[in-house]
Every structure is written in C-alpha cells, then in structure tokens.
Amino acid sequence: MPDRPNVEYGDRAVALPNEILRSVVGSGVHGIAIAGTDDHDEMGVYIEPPAYVLGVERHREDFIWRTQPEGVRSGHGDTDLVLYSLHKYLRLAVKGNPTVMIPLFAPEESLVVVTELGRELRALRAAFLSQVAVQRFLGYMHSQHERMLGGGSGGRAPNRPELVERFGWDVKYGSHALRLAYQGHEIAAEGTLTLPLPEPQRERVLAVKRGEVARDEVSAEIADYEVRVRRVLETGASPLPEVADLDAISDWAISAQRRHWGW
C-alpha cells in the first residue's frame, strides 16, 4: 500500500495493526476474472480497541482505501480496500451480505491476512448461512439484473457505456447477476458457498462476461434460477435455518475480543 493513497477514510493506526482477516473479494475469488479488465478488491476485519466498544464516544467503524479519487470508477490495475470493525462486519454478515460473506468462504490462496482469530471466524462460517442470507443474495441478484436490462439506479443507464457500445448491453452486470443466482441456489439447496465457482457454472458466467451469450438468454436463466431457489425454500428442502446462529456468533465475538485485548 503506497504511503500517499488517493482516497483514505478511517484510522489506519487502528485498523491495520488489529486486522484478523482479509481476502480478495473481486472477480478473481469467484474464478471469473478476465485479464486486463478487472480491478482488485479486498475486504477484511479488524478488532477495535476496548474504548470503541465499551465507551460512550462513537467512532468510525471502517477503514477505506482506494487508488482512484472520489467519484472515479475503478478500472484495471486499481485497488479498493475496505476493512470493517468486527462489530460492523458481524452485523453485515448475519444478514447475508454477499460480498461480506466472501472472506469466510474464500480459498486459502485468496487470503491476504489471517490470524488465529481470523481462522476461528472462518471456521464459524456455517453459522452465518440462513434463509435470510439467501434472500439477500436474491436481492443483490435483482439489482444487478435490473441494471443489466438498463434499469435500476433511478433509471439511469449502466455506468459502463464501453460495454454497452461493444455488446449492446452491460455484460458485466449480467455476469454478476447470473453468478449471484447460482450462488443463491447453492446456499439454499446445499447450505454452503463454493469459491471459486464450480464448473460448468464458472465457464458459463465467463461466457456471459465475454459477451458470448445473448442478453435475453441470460435473463431467462436468471429468472429460472430464482424460481428454483424459491421452490427450495418454500418446500422446506433447504438445510438452512431461518436466521443465522446469533448465539454462537455472539459467544465467539465476546471471546475473540477479550483474547485480542489480553483480558
């Protein structure tokens, strides 16, 4: 990380020395990166000081670092990093935020930082999976699907006009929507999340991202997978509980903070 980043929010003196887990969270971890086209995204978790958790004064709950200035879209060669305090990370993870879940399931080669507490958190990954998480994956899928079709974001056009000019539609939104559809179905039906995407799904998403599949075909497949996911949930075939295991997660969080602080 350069000494003078273009954009930085939060306190690096708090976040970086107290990291317990960080992984790559971009296309590479899903196995769908295309050389020369994707930026580099990382997400991690740090344990905040006792005063931040127990004191009265409120403090920022994340640390953000970007190579691009504010308002400029990241491109090939750029890096986006976000580190969440443990409290904020757990709040997002128990709701099934798809990006936040990635450090829990990322393969070892995608880990940037992992301490013993980080490994314990990853070992607890199944406790975060629930039917709530499935609904969150479907919600993100809907958002990407709408943008793929040229809607969303208040009706504005997709923010990658170069893809629309080349392919007639934003294939990157299409690839993300289809990936989320596949992953939502895997979580609902099998109670796990495989990273990177297994074959043949990985190659299918890559084909979409390369503009080799018609938009209507992609849209129909996304809709079909949503039907499959909802059928799994409605018939009771899912192994998932309705909500995350909050007791197990809270017990670990309390223990982890005490040990990190030396209490």
Protein backbone atom coordinates (compact mmCIF):
# COMPACT_ATOMS: atom_id res chain seq x y z
CA MET A 1 0.00 0.00 0.00
CA PRO A 2 1.56 3.35 -1.03
CA ASP A 3 2.17 5.94 1.68
CA ARG A 4 0.01 8.53 -0.09
CA PRO A 5 -3.21 6.94 -1.35
CA ASN A 6 -5.66 8.88 -3.48
CA VAL A 7 -8.55 8.23 -1.10
CA GLU A 8 -8.45 7.17 2.54
CA TYR A 9 -11.12 7.22 5.23
CA GLY A 10 -10.87 5.95 8.78
CA ASP A 11 -7.92 5.40 11.08
CA ARG A 12 -5.25 3.11 9.65
CA ALA A 13 -3.44 3.12 13.01
CA VAL A 14 -6.49 1.38 14.48
CA ALA A 15 -7.49 -0.84 11.57
CA LEU A 16 -4.26 -2.22 10.11
CA PRO A 17 -2.50 -3.36 13.33
CA ASN A 18 -5.68 -5.08 14.55
CA GLU A 19 -6.64 -6.99 11.41
CA ILE A 20 -7.62 -10.60 11.89
CA LEU A 21 -8.82 -11.47 8.39
CA ARG A 22 -8.61 -10.06 4.86
CA SER A 23 -9.25 -11.64 1.50
CA VAL A 24 -9.59 -10.79 -2.15
CA VAL A 25 -13.29 -10.26 -2.89
CA GLY A 26 -13.35 -9.32 -6.57
CA SER A 27 -13.93 -11.40 -9.67
CA GLY A 28 -10.74 -13.38 -9.10
CA VAL A 29 -12.05 -15.10 -5.98
CA HIS A 30 -15.12 -16.24 -7.97
CA GLY A 31 -12.87 -17.51 -10.77
CA ILE A 32 -14.39 -15.15 -13.33
CA ALA A 33 -11.68 -12.51 -13.77
CA ILE A 34 -10.68 -11.63 -17.32
CA ALA A 35 -7.07 -10.50 -17.66
CA GLY A 36 -6.69 -6.78 -18.22
CA THR A 37 -10.29 -5.85 -17.40
CA ASP A 38 -10.87 -6.11 -13.64
CA ASP A 39 -9.78 -4.01 -10.69
CA HIS A 40 -8.53 -5.53 -7.43
CA ASP A 41 -10.86 -5.58 -4.40
CA GLU A 42 -10.02 -6.65 -0.85
CA MET A 43 -12.16 -6.82 2.29
CA GLY A 44 -11.17 -7.54 5.85
CA VAL A 45 -11.99 -7.40 9.53
CA TYR A 46 -10.21 -5.73 12.45
CA ILE A 47 -10.93 -5.78 16.16
CA GLU A 48 -11.50 -2.31 17.50
CA PRO A 49 -10.00 -1.10 20.83
CA PRO A 50 -12.00 -1.63 24.05
CA ALA A 51 -12.88 2.07 24.29
CA TYR A 52 -14.52 1.90 20.87
CA VAL A 53 -16.79 -0.92 22.00
CA LEU A 54 -17.43 -0.04 25.65
CA GLY A 55 -17.04 3.73 25.70
CA VAL A 56 -19.62 6.46 25.08
CA GLU A 57 -17.91 8.24 22.19
CA ARG A 58 -18.79 6.94 18.72
CA HIS A 59 -16.02 6.07 16.28
CA ARG A 60 -15.89 5.24 12.59
CA GLU A 61 -16.45 1.52 12.01
CA ASP A 62 -14.43 1.01 8.85
CA PHE A 63 -11.23 1.89 7.04
CA ILE A 64 -11.39 2.56 3.28
CA TRP A 65 -8.51 2.96 0.87
CA ARG A 66 -8.73 3.45 -2.92
CA THR A 67 -6.24 4.21 -5.63
CA GLN A 68 -8.78 6.29 -7.55
CA PRO A 69 -10.04 9.67 -6.34
CA GLU A 70 -13.60 10.13 -5.09
CA GLY A 71 -16.23 9.75 -7.80
CA VAL A 72 -13.93 7.99 -10.26
CA ARG A 73 -14.80 4.40 -11.18
CA SER A 74 -12.04 1.88 -10.50
CA GLY A 75 -10.60 0.10 -13.51
CA HIS A 76 -7.90 -2.37 -14.42
CA GLY A 77 -4.90 -2.01 -12.12
CA ASP A 78 -6.80 -0.12 -9.40
CA THR A 79 -7.23 -1.35 -5.83
CA ASP A 80 -10.20 -0.90 -3.50
CA LEU A 81 -9.80 -1.94 0.14
CA VAL A 82 -12.38 -1.89 2.90
CA LEU A 83 -11.78 -3.10 6.44
CA TYR A 84 -14.72 -3.38 8.82
CA SER A 85 -14.64 -3.34 12.58
CA LEU A 86 -15.64 -6.70 13.99
CA HIS A 87 -18.96 -5.30 15.24
CA LYS A 88 -19.91 -3.88 11.85
CA TYR A 89 -18.66 -6.92 9.95
CA LEU A 90 -20.73 -9.32 12.03
CA ARG A 91 -23.85 -7.17 11.67
CA LEU A 92 -23.48 -7.30 7.89
CA ALA A 93 -22.55 -10.98 7.78
CA VAL A 94 -25.51 -12.23 9.83
CA LYS A 95 -27.76 -10.51 7.28
CA GLY A 96 -26.07 -12.46 4.49
CA ASN A 97 -24.43 -9.58 2.62
CA PRO A 98 -22.96 -11.43 -0.40
CA THR A 99 -19.67 -9.52 -0.54
CA VAL A 100 -19.16 -9.58 3.22
CA MET A 101 -19.56 -13.36 3.23
CA ILE A 102 -16.63 -13.88 0.85
CA PRO A 103 -13.75 -13.71 3.39
CA LEU A 104 -15.45 -16.53 5.30
CA PHE A 105 -15.51 -18.84 2.26
CA ALA A 106 -12.58 -17.62 0.14
CA PRO A 107 -9.96 -20.25 -0.75
CA GLU A 108 -6.66 -20.07 1.13
CA GLU A 109 -4.83 -18.61 -1.87
CA SER A 110 -7.17 -15.60 -1.80
CA LEU A 111 -6.38 -14.75 1.83
CA VAL A 112 -4.22 -11.67 2.32
CA VAL A 113 -4.24 -11.57 6.14
CA VAL A 114 -5.37 -14.32 8.51
CA THR A 115 -4.56 -14.64 12.20
CA GLU A 116 -5.62 -17.37 14.59
CA LEU A 117 -8.76 -15.39 15.40
CA GLY A 118 -9.36 -14.97 11.69
CA ARG A 119 -9.18 -18.72 11.24
CA GLU A 120 -11.66 -19.18 14.07
CA LEU A 121 -14.03 -16.75 12.37
CA ARG A 122 -13.73 -18.66 9.08
CA ALA A 123 -14.38 -21.93 10.92
CA LEU A 124 -17.67 -20.40 12.11
CA ARG A 125 -18.79 -19.71 8.52
CA ALA A 126 -21.74 -22.11 8.56
CA ALA A 127 -23.31 -20.19 11.45
CA PHE A 128 -23.81 -17.19 9.15
CA LEU A 129 -25.74 -19.05 6.46
CA SER A 130 -29.51 -18.81 6.72
CA GLN A 131 -32.63 -18.28 4.66
CA VAL A 132 -32.15 -14.57 5.34
CA ALA A 133 -28.80 -14.82 3.53
CA VAL A 134 -30.48 -16.47 0.55
CA GLN A 135 -32.96 -13.61 0.32
CA ARG A 136 -30.10 -11.11 0.44
CA PHE A 137 -28.35 -12.91 -2.44
CA LEU A 138 -31.60 -12.74 -4.41
CA GLY A 139 -31.89 -9.04 -3.63
CA TYR A 140 -28.41 -8.33 -4.96
CA MET A 141 -29.17 -10.52 -7.96
CA HIS A 142 -32.29 -8.46 -8.72
CA SER A 143 -30.30 -5.23 -8.53
CA GLN A 144 -27.68 -6.48 -10.98
CA HIS A 145 -30.36 -7.97 -13.25
CA GLU A 146 -32.20 -4.63 -13.44
CA ARG A 147 -29.02 -2.78 -14.31
CA MET A 148 -28.16 -5.42 -16.89
CA LEU A 149 -31.50 -4.62 -18.54
CA GLY A 150 -30.71 -0.90 -18.46
CA GLY A 151 -32.81 -0.01 -15.41
CA GLY A 152 -32.04 0.45 -11.75
CA SER A 153 -30.10 3.32 -10.15
CA GLY A 154 -33.05 5.64 -10.65
CA GLY A 155 -33.49 4.62 -14.28
CA ARG A 156 -30.07 5.84 -15.32
CA ALA A 157 -28.12 3.97 -17.98
CA PRO A 158 -25.48 1.44 -16.81
CA ASN A 159 -22.22 3.05 -15.78
CA ARG A 160 -20.11 1.04 -18.24
CA PRO A 161 -21.03 2.62 -21.60
CA GLU A 162 -18.00 0.99 -23.22
CA LEU A 163 -19.61 -2.44 -22.71
CA VAL A 164 -22.97 -1.25 -23.99
CA GLU A 165 -21.28 0.14 -27.08
CA ARG A 166 -19.38 -3.10 -27.68
CA PHE A 167 -22.03 -5.70 -26.85
CA GLY A 168 -25.30 -3.78 -26.84
CA TRP A 169 -25.77 -4.31 -23.10
CA ASP A 170 -23.75 -4.33 -19.88
CA VAL A 171 -22.40 -7.88 -19.83
CA LYS A 172 -20.61 -7.33 -16.51
CA TYR A 173 -23.91 -6.73 -14.74
CA GLY A 174 -25.19 -9.85 -16.46
CA SER A 175 -22.27 -11.94 -15.24
CA HIS A 176 -22.72 -10.71 -11.66
CA ALA A 177 -26.47 -11.37 -11.71
CA LEU A 178 -26.02 -14.92 -13.01
CA ARG A 179 -23.22 -15.62 -10.53
CA LEU A 180 -25.44 -14.49 -7.66
CA ALA A 181 -28.27 -16.67 -8.97
CA TYR A 182 -26.01 -19.73 -8.99
CA GLN A 183 -24.62 -18.96 -5.54
CA GLY A 184 -28.02 -18.23 -4.04
CA HIS A 185 -29.23 -21.61 -5.25
CA GLU A 186 -26.18 -23.41 -3.85
CA ILE A 187 -26.62 -21.79 -0.45
CA ALA A 188 -30.35 -22.54 -0.38
CA ALA A 189 -30.08 -26.14 -1.57
CA GLU A 190 -26.77 -27.27 -0.09
CA GLY A 191 -26.07 -24.90 2.80
CA THR A 192 -22.63 -23.87 1.58
CA LEU A 193 -20.86 -21.48 -0.76
CA THR A 194 -18.14 -22.78 -3.10
CA LEU A 195 -15.39 -20.38 -4.16
CA PRO A 196 -14.33 -20.14 -6.89
CA LEU A 197 -17.48 -21.07 -8.80
CA PRO A 198 -17.53 -24.74 -9.73
CA GLU A 199 -17.60 -25.84 -13.34
CA PRO A 200 -19.59 -25.60 -15.58
CA GLN A 201 -21.08 -22.53 -13.88
CA ARG A 202 -17.77 -20.68 -13.88
CA GLU A 203 -17.33 -21.05 -17.62
CA ARG A 204 -20.95 -20.09 -18.21
CA VAL A 205 -20.52 -16.83 -16.25
CA LEU A 206 -17.27 -16.13 -18.10
CA ALA A 207 -19.05 -16.65 -21.41
CA VAL A 208 -21.63 -14.07 -20.36
CA LYS A 209 -18.89 -11.67 -19.29
CA ARG A 210 -17.16 -12.10 -22.66
CA GLY A 211 -20.39 -11.20 -24.46
CA GLU A 212 -20.88 -14.67 -25.92
CA VAL A 213 -24.43 -15.19 -24.62
CA ALA A 214 -27.48 -13.18 -25.67
CA ARG A 215 -28.98 -10.89 -23.05
CA ASP A 216 -32.44 -12.46 -23.28
CA GLU A 217 -30.95 -15.91 -22.73
CA VAL A 218 -29.06 -14.72 -19.67
CA SER A 219 -32.16 -13.00 -18.30
CA ALA A 220 -34.23 -16.17 -18.73
CA GLU A 221 -31.62 -18.26 -16.93
CA ILE A 222 -31.51 -15.83 -14.02
CA ALA A 223 -35.31 -15.95 -13.73
CA ASP A 224 -35.24 -19.75 -13.87
CA TYR A 225 -32.75 -19.96 -11.02
CA GLU A 226 -34.82 -17.62 -8.91
CA VAL A 227 -37.77 -19.99 -9.34
CA ARG A 228 -35.53 -22.89 -8.29
CA VAL A 229 -34.31 -21.05 -5.21
CA ARG A 230 -37.80 -20.10 -4.08
CA ARG A 231 -39.01 -23.66 -4.64
CA VAL A 232 -36.26 -24.97 -2.36
CA LEU A 233 -37.23 -22.53 0.37
CA GLU A 234 -40.99 -22.93 0.03
CA THR A 235 -40.94 -26.75 0.04
CA GLY A 236 -38.76 -26.93 3.14
CA ALA A 237 -36.00 -28.68 1.20
CA SER A 238 -33.31 -26.25 2.35
CA PRO A 239 -31.00 -27.38 5.16
CA LEU A 240 -30.70 -23.77 6.31
CA PRO A 241 -32.24 -22.30 9.46
CA GLU A 242 -34.43 -19.23 9.13
CA VAL A 243 -31.80 -16.95 10.68
CA ALA A 244 -28.09 -17.08 11.46
CA ASP A 245 -26.89 -18.73 14.67
CA LEU A 246 -26.64 -15.49 16.65
CA ASP A 247 -25.80 -17.21 19.95
CA ALA A 248 -22.76 -18.99 18.53
CA ILE A 249 -21.58 -15.88 16.70
CA SER A 250 -22.02 -13.64 19.77
CA ASP A 251 -20.26 -16.09 22.07
CA TRP A 252 -17.29 -16.23 19.71
CA ALA A 253 -17.21 -12.44 19.25
CA ILE A 254 -17.08 -11.82 23.00
CA SER A 255 -14.33 -14.39 23.47
CA ALA A 256 -12.34 -13.11 20.49
CA GLN A 257 -12.38 -9.51 21.70
CA ARG A 258 -11.34 -10.48 25.21
CA ARG A 259 -8.41 -12.51 23.90
CA HIS A 260 -7.35 -9.85 21.40
CA TRP A 261 -7.35 -7.22 24.15
CA GLY A 262 -5.47 -9.54 26.54
CA TRP A 263 -8.32 -9.73 29.04
